[in-house]
Amino acid sequence: MKIAIIGSGLIGRSWSMLFAAFGYHVSLFDVDSSQLKDALRFIEEELQQLEGSGMLHGSLPAAEQMKFITGHSDLTECVKEAQYIQECVPENLELKKNRVEATGSSGYT
């Protein structure tokens, strides 16, 4: 199952790690490519720290969980064939509306 996460801030990073912990393929999107790179680096480091402290969710090791997370700077590619889309953009209503409309989704459920 593919999960699309729109927004790679702290909340998007956290959701990405949680979904990957249980074997979901996660596509993480951000309009800012440097933010996206930072997010992927943060996620990898955080997974390793959680594993080292015995607090990693799921049964997969950190390196395996990281393989389930990919970054995208193209929203259409990110949401393509996703069964679930998690919106994690800043609390700005216009930005949220624009991102939901861009996914081709009917809206929030």
PDB file of N, CA and C in Angstrom:
ATOM      1  N   MET A   1       0.840  -1.178   0.000  1.00  0.00           N
ATOM      2  CA  MET A   1       0.000   0.000   0.000  1.00  0.00           C
ATOM      3  C   MET A   1       0.883   1.238   0.000  1.00  0.00           C
ATOM      4  N   LYS A   2       0.520   2.213  -0.810  1.00  0.00           N
ATOM      5  CA  LYS A   2       1.295   3.451  -0.903  1.00  0.00           C
ATOM      6  C   LYS A   2       0.567   4.572  -0.175  1.00  0.00           C
ATOM      7  N   ILE A   3       1.329   5.285   0.653  1.00  0.00           N
ATOM      8  CA  ILE A   3       0.849   6.442   1.404  1.00  0.00           C
ATOM      9  C   ILE A   3       1.597   7.666   0.891  1.00  0.00           C
ATOM     10  N   ALA A   4       0.879   8.733   0.572  1.00  0.00           N
ATOM     11  CA  ALA A   4       1.510   9.993   0.179  1.00  0.00           C
ATOM     12  C   ALA A   4       1.416  10.968   1.346  1.00  0.00           C
ATOM     13  N   ILE A   5       2.541  11.560   1.693  1.00  0.00           N
ATOM     14  CA  ILE A   5       2.601  12.557   2.763  1.00  0.00           C
ATOM     15  C   ILE A   5       2.958  13.887   2.107  1.00  0.00           C
ATOM     16  N   ILE A   6       2.068  14.861   2.246  1.00  0.00           N
ATOM     17  CA  ILE A   6       2.296  16.174   1.643  1.00  0.00           C
ATOM     18  C   ILE A   6       2.786  17.121   2.728  1.00  0.00           C
ATOM     19  N   GLY A   7       4.055  17.456   2.648  1.00  0.00           N
ATOM     20  CA  GLY A   7       4.683  18.324   3.635  1.00  0.00           C
ATOM     21  C   GLY A   7       5.709  17.546   4.435  1.00  0.00           C
ATOM     22  N   SER A   8       6.956  18.028   4.426  1.00  0.00           N
ATOM     23  CA  SER A   8       8.030  17.272   5.083  1.00  0.00           C
ATOM     24  C   SER A   8       8.556  17.952   6.338  1.00  0.00           C
ATOM     25  N   GLY A   9       7.700  18.722   6.982  1.00  0.00           N
ATOM     26  CA  GLY A   9       8.071  19.304   8.270  1.00  0.00           C
ATOM     27  C   GLY A   9       8.019  18.236   9.357  1.00  0.00           C
ATOM     28  N   LEU A  10       8.049  18.648  10.590  1.00  0.00           N
ATOM     29  CA  LEU A  10       8.092  17.701  11.706  1.00  0.00           C
ATOM     30  C   LEU A  10       6.922  16.712  11.686  1.00  0.00           C
ATOM     31  N   ILE A  11       5.730  17.192  11.414  1.00  0.00           N
ATOM     32  CA  ILE A  11       4.561  16.304  11.414  1.00  0.00           C
ATOM     33  C   ILE A  11       4.621  15.326  10.242  1.00  0.00           C
ATOM     34  N   GLY A  12       4.977  15.812   9.053  1.00  0.00           N
ATOM     35  CA  GLY A  12       5.108  14.928   7.893  1.00  0.00           C
ATOM     36  C   GLY A  12       6.192  13.883   8.093  1.00  0.00           C
ATOM     37  N   ARG A  13       7.280  14.275   8.716  1.00  0.00           N
ATOM     38  CA  ARG A  13       8.371  13.341   9.007  1.00  0.00           C
ATOM     39  C   ARG A  13       7.895  12.256   9.964  1.00  0.00           C
ATOM     40  N   SER A  14       7.168  12.671  10.987  1.00  0.00           N
ATOM     41  CA  SER A  14       6.687  11.721  12.002  1.00  0.00           C
ATOM     42  C   SER A  14       5.708  10.719  11.395  1.00  0.00           C
ATOM     43  N   TRP A  15       4.767  11.201  10.593  1.00  0.00           N
ATOM     44  CA  TRP A  15       3.829  10.282   9.935  1.00  0.00           C
ATOM     45  C   TRP A  15       4.573   9.323   9.000  1.00  0.00           C
ATOM     46  N   SER A  16       5.557   9.832   8.277  1.00  0.00           N
ATOM     47  CA  SER A  16       6.329   8.985   7.361  1.00  0.00           C
ATOM     48  C   SER A  16       6.985   7.837   8.103  1.00  0.00           C
ATOM     49  N   MET A  17       7.604   8.139   9.240  1.00  0.00           N
ATOM     50  CA  MET A  17       8.273   7.101  10.025  1.00  0.00           C
ATOM     51  C   MET A  17       7.263   6.100  10.568  1.00  0.00           C
ATOM     52  N   LEU A  18       6.114   6.574  11.011  1.00  0.00           N
ATOM     53  CA  LEU A  18       5.113   5.666  11.576  1.00  0.00           C
ATOM     54  C   LEU A  18       4.567   4.715  10.513  1.00  0.00           C
ATOM     55  N   PHE A  19       4.223   5.240   9.339  1.00  0.00           N
ATOM     56  CA  PHE A  19       3.709   4.373   8.272  1.00  0.00           C
ATOM     57  C   PHE A  19       4.774   3.372   7.811  1.00  0.00           C
ATOM     58  N   ALA A  20       6.020   3.833   7.654  1.00  0.00           N
ATOM     59  CA  ALA A  20       7.101   2.946   7.208  1.00  0.00           C
ATOM     60  C   ALA A  20       7.380   1.847   8.227  1.00  0.00           C
ATOM     61  N   ALA A  21       7.170   2.132   9.498  1.00  0.00           N
ATOM     62  CA  ALA A  21       7.417   1.151  10.554  1.00  0.00           C
ATOM     63  C   ALA A  21       6.570  -0.101  10.369  1.00  0.00           C
ATOM     64  N   PHE A  22       5.439   0.069   9.711  1.00  0.00           N
ATOM     65  CA  PHE A  22       4.533  -1.055   9.519  1.00  0.00           C
ATOM     66  C   PHE A  22       4.479  -1.526   8.067  1.00  0.00           C
ATOM     67  N   GLY A  23       5.511  -1.160   7.295  1.00  0.00           N
ATOM     68  CA  GLY A  23       5.682  -1.692   5.953  1.00  0.00           C
ATOM     69  C   GLY A  23       4.930  -0.993   4.848  1.00  0.00           C
ATOM     70  N   TYR A  24       4.403   0.194   5.107  1.00  0.00           N
ATOM     71  CA  TYR A  24       3.747   0.951   4.046  1.00  0.00           C
ATOM     72  C   TYR A  24       4.795   1.698   3.233  1.00  0.00           C
ATOM     73  N   HIS A  25       4.595   1.766   1.941  1.00  0.00           N
ATOM     74  CA  HIS A  25       5.469   2.548   1.073  1.00  0.00           C
ATOM     75  C   HIS A  25       5.033   4.007   1.194  1.00  0.00           C
ATOM     76  N   VAL A  26       5.962   4.873   1.563  1.00  0.00           N
ATOM     77  CA  VAL A  26       5.653   6.273   1.829  1.00  0.00           C
ATOM     78  C   VAL A  26       6.330   7.157   0.792  1.00  0.00           C
ATOM     79  N   SER A  27       5.525   8.033   0.169  1.00  0.00           N
ATOM     80  CA  SER A  27       6.044   9.051  -0.733  1.00  0.00           C
ATOM     81  C   SER A  27       5.897  10.389  -0.024  1.00  0.00           C
ATOM     82  N   LEU A  28       7.014  11.011   0.283  1.00  0.00           N
ATOM     83  CA  LEU A  28       7.036  12.267   1.021  1.00  0.00           C
ATOM     84  C   LEU A  28       7.278  13.419   0.055  1.00  0.00           C
ATOM     85  N   PHE A  29       6.392  14.411   0.074  1.00  0.00           N
ATOM     86  CA  PHE A  29       6.473  15.548  -0.853  1.00  0.00           C
ATOM     87  C   PHE A  29       6.756  16.841  -0.124  1.00  0.00           C
ATOM     88  N   ASP A  30       7.568  17.685  -0.774  1.00  0.00           N
ATOM     89  CA  ASP A  30       7.723  19.065  -0.343  1.00  0.00           C
ATOM     90  C   ASP A  30       8.079  19.918  -1.552  1.00  0.00           C
ATOM     91  N   VAL A  31       7.597  21.157  -1.571  1.00  0.00           N
ATOM     92  CA  VAL A  31       7.913  22.064  -2.676  1.00  0.00           C
ATOM     93  C   VAL A  31       9.359  22.542  -2.605  1.00  0.00           C
ATOM     94  N   ASP A  32       9.935  22.503  -1.428  1.00  0.00           N
ATOM     95  CA  ASP A  32      11.304  22.958  -1.199  1.00  0.00           C
ATOM     96  C   ASP A  32      12.232  21.740  -1.187  1.00  0.00           C
ATOM     97  N   SER A  33      13.046  21.609  -2.228  1.00  0.00           N
ATOM     98  CA  SER A  33      13.894  20.419  -2.351  1.00  0.00           C
ATOM     99  C   SER A  33      14.920  20.313  -1.221  1.00  0.00           C
ATOM    100  N   SER A  34      15.425  21.436  -0.713  1.00  0.00           N
ATOM    101  CA  SER A  34      16.382  21.353   0.398  1.00  0.00           C
ATOM    102  C   SER A  34      15.680  20.910   1.679  1.00  0.00           C
ATOM    103  N   GLN A  35      14.438  21.343   1.877  1.00  0.00           N
ATOM    104  CA  GLN A  35      13.646  20.892   3.028  1.00  0.00           C
ATOM    105  C   GLN A  35      13.416  19.386   2.932  1.00  0.00           C
ATOM    106  N   LEU A  36      13.134  18.902   1.738  1.00  0.00           N
ATOM    107  CA  LEU A  36      12.898  17.476   1.522  1.00  0.00           C
ATOM    108  C   LEU A  36      14.156  16.661   1.818  1.00  0.00           C
ATOM    109  N   LYS A  37      15.299  17.120   1.349  1.00  0.00           N
ATOM    110  CA  LYS A  37      16.568  16.427   1.624  1.00  0.00           C
ATOM    111  C   LYS A  37      16.850  16.400   3.123  1.00  0.00           C
ATOM    112  N   ASP A  38      16.628  17.530   3.775  1.00  0.00           N
ATOM    113  CA  ASP A  38      16.827  17.604   5.232  1.00  0.00           C
ATOM    114  C   ASP A  38      15.888  16.631   5.950  1.00  0.00           C
ATOM    115  N   ALA A  39      14.658  16.559   5.474  1.00  0.00           N
ATOM    116  CA  ALA A  39      13.669  15.662   6.092  1.00  0.00           C
ATOM    117  C   ALA A  39      14.104  14.205   5.973  1.00  0.00           C
ATOM    118  N   LEU A  40      14.560  13.800   4.807  1.00  0.00           N
ATOM    119  CA  LEU A  40      14.987  12.410   4.611  1.00  0.00           C
ATOM    120  C   LEU A  40      16.211  12.096   5.473  1.00  0.00           C
ATOM    121  N   ARG A  41      17.122  13.037   5.576  1.00  0.00           N
ATOM    122  CA  ARG A  41      18.302  12.859   6.431  1.00  0.00           C
ATOM    123  C   ARG A  41      17.879  12.752   7.905  1.00  0.00           C
ATOM    124  N   PHE A  42      16.976  13.621   8.328  1.00  0.00           N
ATOM    125  CA  PHE A  42      16.469  13.604   9.697  1.00  0.00           C
ATOM    126  C   PHE A  42      15.791  12.271  10.005  1.00  0.00           C
ATOM    127  N   ILE A  43      14.939  11.817   9.089  1.00  0.00           N
ATOM    128  CA  ILE A  43      14.212  10.557   9.293  1.00  0.00           C
ATOM    129  C   ILE A  43      15.184   9.403   9.471  1.00  0.00           C
ATOM    130  N   GLU A  44      16.191   9.329   8.614  1.00  0.00           N
ATOM    131  CA  GLU A  44      17.164   8.243   8.705  1.00  0.00           C
ATOM    132  C   GLU A  44      17.896   8.278  10.051  1.00  0.00           C
ATOM    133  N   GLU A  45      18.330   9.455  10.463  1.00  0.00           N
ATOM    134  CA  GLU A  45      19.025   9.592  11.745  1.00  0.00           C
ATOM    135  C   GLU A  45      18.099   9.254  12.912  1.00  0.00           C
ATOM    136  N   GLU A  46      16.874   9.713  12.849  1.00  0.00           N
ATOM    137  CA  GLU A  46      15.915   9.470  13.931  1.00  0.00           C
ATOM    138  C   GLU A  46      15.586   7.978  14.048  1.00  0.00           C
ATOM    139  N   LEU A  47      15.412   7.312  12.908  1.00  0.00           N
ATOM    140  CA  LEU A  47      15.142   5.869  12.935  1.00  0.00           C
ATOM    141  C   LEU A  47      16.303   5.117  13.590  1.00  0.00           C
ATOM    142  N   GLN A  48      17.529   5.515  13.252  1.00  0.00           N
ATOM    143  CA  GLN A  48      18.697   4.866  13.841  1.00  0.00           C
ATOM    144  C   GLN A  48      18.768   5.111  15.351  1.00  0.00           C
ATOM    145  N   GLN A  49      18.465   6.336  15.778  1.00  0.00           N
ATOM    146  CA  GLN A  49      18.480   6.643  17.211  1.00  0.00           C
ATOM    147  C   GLN A  49      17.398   5.855  17.946  1.00  0.00           C
ATOM    148  N   LEU A  50      16.216   5.784  17.360  1.00  0.00           N
ATOM    149  CA  LEU A  50      15.129   5.026  17.986  1.00  0.00           C
ATOM    150  C   LEU A  50      15.497   3.549  18.097  1.00  0.00           C
ATOM    151  N   GLU A  51      16.107   3.021  17.054  1.00  0.00           N
ATOM    152  CA  GLU A  51      16.530   1.620  17.074  1.00  0.00           C
ATOM    153  C   GLU A  51      17.578   1.400  18.163  1.00  0.00           C
ATOM    154  N   GLY A  52      18.540   2.307  18.267  1.00  0.00           N
ATOM    155  CA  GLY A  52      19.593   2.194  19.265  1.00  0.00           C
ATOM    156  C   GLY A  52      19.087   2.240  20.697  1.00  0.00           C
ATOM    157  N   SER A  53      17.984   2.952  20.893  1.00  0.00           N
ATOM    158  CA  SER A  53      17.427   3.064  22.246  1.00  0.00           C
ATOM    159  C   SER A  53      16.324   2.042  22.515  1.00  0.00           C
ATOM    160  N   GLY A  54      16.065   1.175  21.525  1.00  0.00           N
ATOM    161  CA  GLY A  54      15.036   0.150  21.701  1.00  0.00           C
ATOM    162  C   GLY A  54      13.616   0.677  21.609  1.00  0.00           C
ATOM    163  N   MET A  55      13.438   1.860  21.023  1.00  0.00           N
ATOM    164  CA  MET A  55      12.120   2.478  20.951  1.00  0.00           C
ATOM    165  C   MET A  55      11.555   2.544  19.532  1.00  0.00           C
ATOM    166  N   LEU A  56      12.154   1.811  18.611  1.00  0.00           N
ATOM    167  CA  LEU A  56      11.710   1.819  17.215  1.00  0.00           C
ATOM    168  C   LEU A  56      10.373   1.089  17.087  1.00  0.00           C
ATOM    169  N   HIS A  57       9.417   1.713  16.416  1.00  0.00           N
ATOM    170  CA  HIS A  57       8.119   1.075  16.173  1.00  0.00           C
ATOM    171  C   HIS A  57       8.261  -0.028  15.125  1.00  0.00           C
ATOM    172  N   GLY A  58       7.362  -1.003  15.170  1.00  0.00           N
ATOM    173  CA  GLY A  58       7.337  -2.067  14.175  1.00  0.00           C
ATOM    174  C   GLY A  58       8.418  -3.106  14.414  1.00  0.00           C
ATOM    175  N   SER A  59       8.430  -4.090  13.535  1.00  0.00           N
ATOM    176  CA  SER A  59       9.388  -5.187  13.692  1.00  0.00           C
ATOM    177  C   SER A  59      10.563  -5.088  12.723  1.00  0.00           C
ATOM    178  N   LEU A  60      10.500  -4.152  11.780  1.00  0.00           N
ATOM    179  CA  LEU A  60      11.576  -3.997  10.802  1.00  0.00           C
ATOM    180  C   LEU A  60      12.710  -3.153  11.379  1.00  0.00           C
ATOM    181  N   PRO A  61      13.965  -3.489  11.057  1.00  0.00           N
ATOM    182  CA  PRO A  61      15.074  -2.645  11.506  1.00  0.00           C
ATOM    183  C   PRO A  61      15.018  -1.271  10.822  1.00  0.00           C
ATOM    184  N   ALA A  62      15.705  -0.308  11.386  1.00  0.00           N
ATOM    185  CA  ALA A  62      15.683   1.067  10.880  1.00  0.00           C
ATOM    186  C   ALA A  62      16.058   1.158   9.409  1.00  0.00           C
ATOM    187  N   ALA A  63      17.090   0.447   8.994  1.00  0.00           N
ATOM    188  CA  ALA A  63      17.530   0.507   7.597  1.00  0.00           C
ATOM    189  C   ALA A  63      16.443   0.005   6.645  1.00  0.00           C
ATOM    190  N   GLU A  64      15.717  -1.021   7.057  1.00  0.00           N
ATOM    191  CA  GLU A  64      14.620  -1.547   6.228  1.00  0.00           C
ATOM    192  C   GLU A  64      13.465  -0.558   6.180  1.00  0.00           C
ATOM    193  N   GLN A  65      13.160   0.060   7.302  1.00  0.00           N
ATOM    194  CA  GLN A  65      12.078   1.049   7.335  1.00  0.00           C
ATOM    195  C   GLN A  65      12.402   2.215   6.401  1.00  0.00           C
ATOM    196  N   MET A  66      13.648   2.644   6.405  1.00  0.00           N
ATOM    197  CA  MET A  66      14.052   3.774   5.567  1.00  0.00           C
ATOM    198  C   MET A  66      13.850   3.468   4.092  1.00  0.00           C
ATOM    199  N   LYS A  67      13.983   2.215   3.702  1.00  0.00           N
ATOM    200  CA  LYS A  67      13.791   1.823   2.298  1.00  0.00           C
ATOM    201  C   LYS A  67      12.356   2.038   1.835  1.00  0.00           C
ATOM    202  N   PHE A  68      11.424   2.135   2.766  1.00  0.00           N
ATOM    203  CA  PHE A  68      10.021   2.336   2.423  1.00  0.00           C
ATOM    204  C   PHE A  68       9.680   3.809   2.190  1.00  0.00           C
ATOM    205  N   ILE A  69      10.610   4.724   2.445  1.00  0.00           N
ATOM    206  CA  ILE A  69      10.343   6.155   2.338  1.00  0.00           C
ATOM    207  C   ILE A  69      11.126   6.753   1.178  1.00  0.00           C
ATOM    208  N   THR A  70      10.400   7.400   0.267  1.00  0.00           N
ATOM    209  CA  THR A  70      11.035   8.098  -0.853  1.00  0.00           C
ATOM    210  C   THR A  70      10.571   9.549  -0.865  1.00  0.00           C
ATOM    211  N   GLY A  71      11.431  10.419  -1.333  1.00  0.00           N
ATOM    212  CA  GLY A  71      11.110  11.839  -1.404  1.00  0.00           C
ATOM    213  C   GLY A  71      10.734  12.246  -2.814  1.00  0.00           C
ATOM    214  N   HIS A  72       9.817  13.198  -2.916  1.00  0.00           N
ATOM    215  CA  HIS A  72       9.355  13.694  -4.218  1.00  0.00           C
ATOM    216  C   HIS A  72       9.190  15.205  -4.176  1.00  0.00           C
ATOM    217  N   SER A  73       9.627  15.862  -5.245  1.00  0.00           N
ATOM    218  CA  SER A  73       9.381  17.294  -5.384  1.00  0.00           C
ATOM    219  C   SER A  73       8.295  17.559  -6.406  1.00  0.00           C
ATOM    220  N   ASP A  74       7.739  16.498  -6.970  1.00  0.00           N
ATOM    221  CA  ASP A  74       6.631  16.589  -7.919  1.00  0.00           C
ATOM    222  C   ASP A  74       5.394  15.998  -7.249  1.00  0.00           C
ATOM    223  N   LEU A  75       4.403  16.838  -6.975  1.00  0.00           N
ATOM    224  CA  LEU A  75       3.211  16.401  -6.253  1.00  0.00           C
ATOM    225  C   LEU A  75       2.444  15.326  -7.008  1.00  0.00           C
ATOM    226  N   THR A  76       2.321  15.467  -8.308  1.00  0.00           N
ATOM    227  CA  THR A  76       1.592  14.477  -9.105  1.00  0.00           C
ATOM    228  C   THR A  76       2.226  13.100  -8.983  1.00  0.00           C
ATOM    229  N   GLU A  77       3.544  13.052  -9.048  1.00  0.00           N
ATOM    230  CA  GLU A  77       4.265  11.781  -8.904  1.00  0.00           C
ATOM    231  C   GLU A  77       4.109  11.222  -7.495  1.00  0.00           C
ATOM    232  N   CYS A  78       4.145  12.100  -6.516  1.00  0.00           N
ATOM    233  CA  CYS A  78       4.027  11.672  -5.123  1.00  0.00           C
ATOM    234  C   CYS A  78       2.694  10.970  -4.858  1.00  0.00           C
ATOM    235  N   VAL A  79       1.614  11.535  -5.342  1.00  0.00           N
ATOM    236  CA  VAL A  79       0.284  10.981  -5.036  1.00  0.00           C
ATOM    237  C   VAL A  79      -0.173   9.900  -6.017  1.00  0.00           C
ATOM    238  N   LYS A  80       0.584   9.712  -7.092  1.00  0.00           N
ATOM    239  CA  LYS A  80       0.216   8.713  -8.098  1.00  0.00           C
ATOM    240  C   LYS A  80       0.107   7.335  -7.448  1.00  0.00           C
ATOM    241  N   GLU A  81      -1.052   6.709  -7.601  1.00  0.00           N
ATOM    242  CA  GLU A  81      -1.360   5.369  -7.099  1.00  0.00           C
ATOM    243  C   GLU A  81      -1.350   5.267  -5.567  1.00  0.00           C
ATOM    244  N   ALA A  82      -1.426   6.409  -4.882  1.00  0.00           N
ATOM    245  CA  ALA A  82      -1.490   6.373  -3.415  1.00  0.00           C
ATOM    246  C   ALA A  82      -2.908   5.992  -2.988  1.00  0.00           C
ATOM    247  N   GLN A  83      -3.001   5.094  -2.024  1.00  0.00           N
ATOM    248  CA  GLN A  83      -4.302   4.715  -1.489  1.00  0.00           C
ATOM    249  C   GLN A  83      -4.754   5.669  -0.392  1.00  0.00           C
ATOM    250  N   TYR A  84      -3.800   6.396   0.178  1.00  0.00           N
ATOM    251  CA  TYR A  84      -4.113   7.340   1.244  1.00  0.00           C
ATOM    252  C   TYR A  84      -3.182   8.532   1.115  1.00  0.00           C
ATOM    253  N   ILE A  85      -3.727   9.741   1.287  1.00  0.00           N
ATOM    254  CA  ILE A  85      -2.936  10.967   1.235  1.00  0.00           C
ATOM    255  C   ILE A  85      -3.076  11.679   2.574  1.00  0.00           C
ATOM    256  N   GLN A  86      -1.942  11.922   3.221  1.00  0.00           N
ATOM    257  CA  GLN A  86      -1.911  12.627   4.504  1.00  0.00           C
ATOM    258  C   GLN A  86      -1.369  14.030   4.257  1.00  0.00           C
ATOM    259  N   GLU A  87      -2.174  15.050   4.506  1.00  0.00           N
ATOM    260  CA  GLU A  87      -1.771  16.436   4.314  1.00  0.00           C
ATOM    261  C   GLU A  87      -1.138  16.956   5.592  1.00  0.00           C
ATOM    262  N   CYS A  88       0.098  17.457   5.471  1.00  0.00           N
ATOM    263  CA  CYS A  88       0.849  17.941   6.639  1.00  0.00           C
ATOM    264  C   CYS A  88       1.514  19.282   6.345  1.00  0.00           C
ATOM    265  N   VAL A  89       0.811  20.168   5.660  1.00  0.00           N
ATOM    266  CA  VAL A  89       1.381  21.478   5.339  1.00  0.00           C
ATOM    267  C   VAL A  89       1.084  22.454   6.475  1.00  0.00           C
ATOM    268  N   PRO A  90       1.787  23.609   6.506  1.00  0.00           N
ATOM    269  CA  PRO A  90       1.543  24.587   7.573  1.00  0.00           C
ATOM    270  C   PRO A  90       0.071  25.003   7.662  1.00  0.00           C
ATOM    271  N   GLU A  91      -0.301  25.482   8.826  1.00  0.00           N
ATOM    272  CA  GLU A  91      -1.692  25.861   9.090  1.00  0.00           C
ATOM    273  C   GLU A  91      -2.052  27.165   8.381  1.00  0.00           C
ATOM    274  N   ASN A  92      -2.229  27.028   7.073  1.00  0.00           N
ATOM    275  CA  ASN A  92      -2.619  28.136   6.207  1.00  0.00           C
ATOM    276  C   ASN A  92      -3.710  27.591   5.300  1.00  0.00           C
ATOM    277  N   LEU A  93      -4.950  28.060   5.475  1.00  0.00           N
ATOM    278  CA  LEU A  93      -6.093  27.481   4.782  1.00  0.00           C
ATOM    279  C   LEU A  93      -5.944  27.501   3.272  1.00  0.00           C
ATOM    280  N   GLU A  94      -5.474  28.598   2.700  1.00  0.00           N
ATOM    281  CA  GLU A  94      -5.308  28.671   1.247  1.00  0.00           C
ATOM    282  C   GLU A  94      -4.278  27.657   0.755  1.00  0.00           C
ATOM    283  N   LEU A  95      -3.188  27.522   1.484  1.00  0.00           N
ATOM    284  CA  LEU A  95      -2.169  26.544   1.122  1.00  0.00           C
ATOM    285  C   LEU A  95      -2.745  25.133   1.178  1.00  0.00           C
ATOM    286  N   LYS A  96      -3.489  24.831   2.221  1.00  0.00           N
ATOM    287  CA  LYS A  96      -4.108  23.512   2.358  1.00  0.00           C
ATOM    288  C   LYS A  96      -5.071  23.252   1.204  1.00  0.00           C
ATOM    289  N   LYS A  97      -5.922  24.228   0.876  1.00  0.00           N
ATOM    290  CA  LYS A  97      -6.877  24.066  -0.227  1.00  0.00           C
ATOM    291  C   LYS A  97      -6.139  23.818  -1.544  1.00  0.00           C
ATOM    292  N   ASN A  98      -5.084  24.598  -1.786  1.00  0.00           N
ATOM    293  CA  ASN A  98      -4.316  24.448  -3.025  1.00  0.00           C
ATOM    294  C   ASN A  98      -3.686  23.068  -3.132  1.00  0.00           C
ATOM    295  N   ARG A  99      -3.136  22.565  -2.042  1.00  0.00           N
ATOM    296  CA  ARG A  99      -2.490  21.251  -2.066  1.00  0.00           C
ATOM    297  C   ARG A  99      -3.520  20.141  -2.290  1.00  0.00           C
ATOM    298  N   VAL A 100      -4.668  20.250  -1.642  1.00  0.00           N
ATOM    299  CA  VAL A 100      -5.706  19.227  -1.822  1.00  0.00           C
ATOM    300  C   VAL A 100      -6.218  19.250  -3.256  1.00  0.00           C
ATOM    301  N   GLU A 101      -6.475  20.438  -3.788  1.00  0.00           N
ATOM    302  CA  GLU A 101      -6.938  20.549  -5.171  1.00  0.00           C
ATOM    303  C   GLU A 101      -5.918  19.994  -6.154  1.00  0.00           C
ATOM    304  N   ALA A 102      -4.642  20.243  -5.893  1.00  0.00           N
ATOM    305  CA  ALA A 102      -3.579  19.772  -6.784  1.00  0.00           C
ATOM    306  C   ALA A 102      -3.456  18.259  -6.821  1.00  0.00           C
ATOM    307  N   THR A 103      -3.927  17.579  -5.780  1.00  0.00           N
ATOM    308  CA  THR A 103      -3.836  16.120  -5.756  1.00  0.00           C
ATOM    309  C   THR A 103      -4.938  15.460  -6.583  1.00  0.00           C
ATOM    310  N   GLY A 104      -5.972  16.238  -6.941  1.00  0.00           N
ATOM    311  CA  GLY A 104      -7.089  15.665  -7.662  1.00  0.00           C
ATOM    312  C   GLY A 104      -8.071  14.989  -6.726  1.00  0.00           C
ATOM    313  N   SER A 105      -7.861  15.131  -5.418  1.00  0.00           N
ATOM    314  CA  SER A 105      -8.724  14.533  -4.408  1.00  0.00           C
ATOM    315  C   SER A 105     -10.011  15.334  -4.308  1.00  0.00           C
ATOM    316  N   SER A 106     -11.038  14.689  -3.811  1.00  0.00           N
ATOM    317  CA  SER A 106     -12.320  15.376  -3.637  1.00  0.00           C
ATOM    318  C   SER A 106     -12.322  16.234  -2.381  1.00  0.00           C
ATOM    319  N   GLY A 107     -11.302  16.125  -1.549  1.00  0.00           N
ATOM    320  CA  GLY A 107     -11.231  16.929  -0.344  1.00  0.00           C
ATOM    321  C   GLY A 107     -10.931  16.108   0.874  1.00  0.00           C
ATOM    322  N   TYR A 108     -11.191  16.705   2.012  1.00  0.00           N
ATOM    323  CA  TYR A 108     -10.918  16.064   3.294  1.00  0.00           C
ATOM    324  C   TYR A 108     -12.016  15.079   3.647  1.00  0.00           C
ATOM    325  N   THR A 109     -11.621  13.973   4.272  1.00  0.00           N
ATOM    326  CA  THR A 109     -12.609  13.015   4.767  1.00  0.00           C
ATOM    327  C   THR A 109     -12.302  12.696   6.204  1.00  0.00           C
TER     328      THR A 109
END
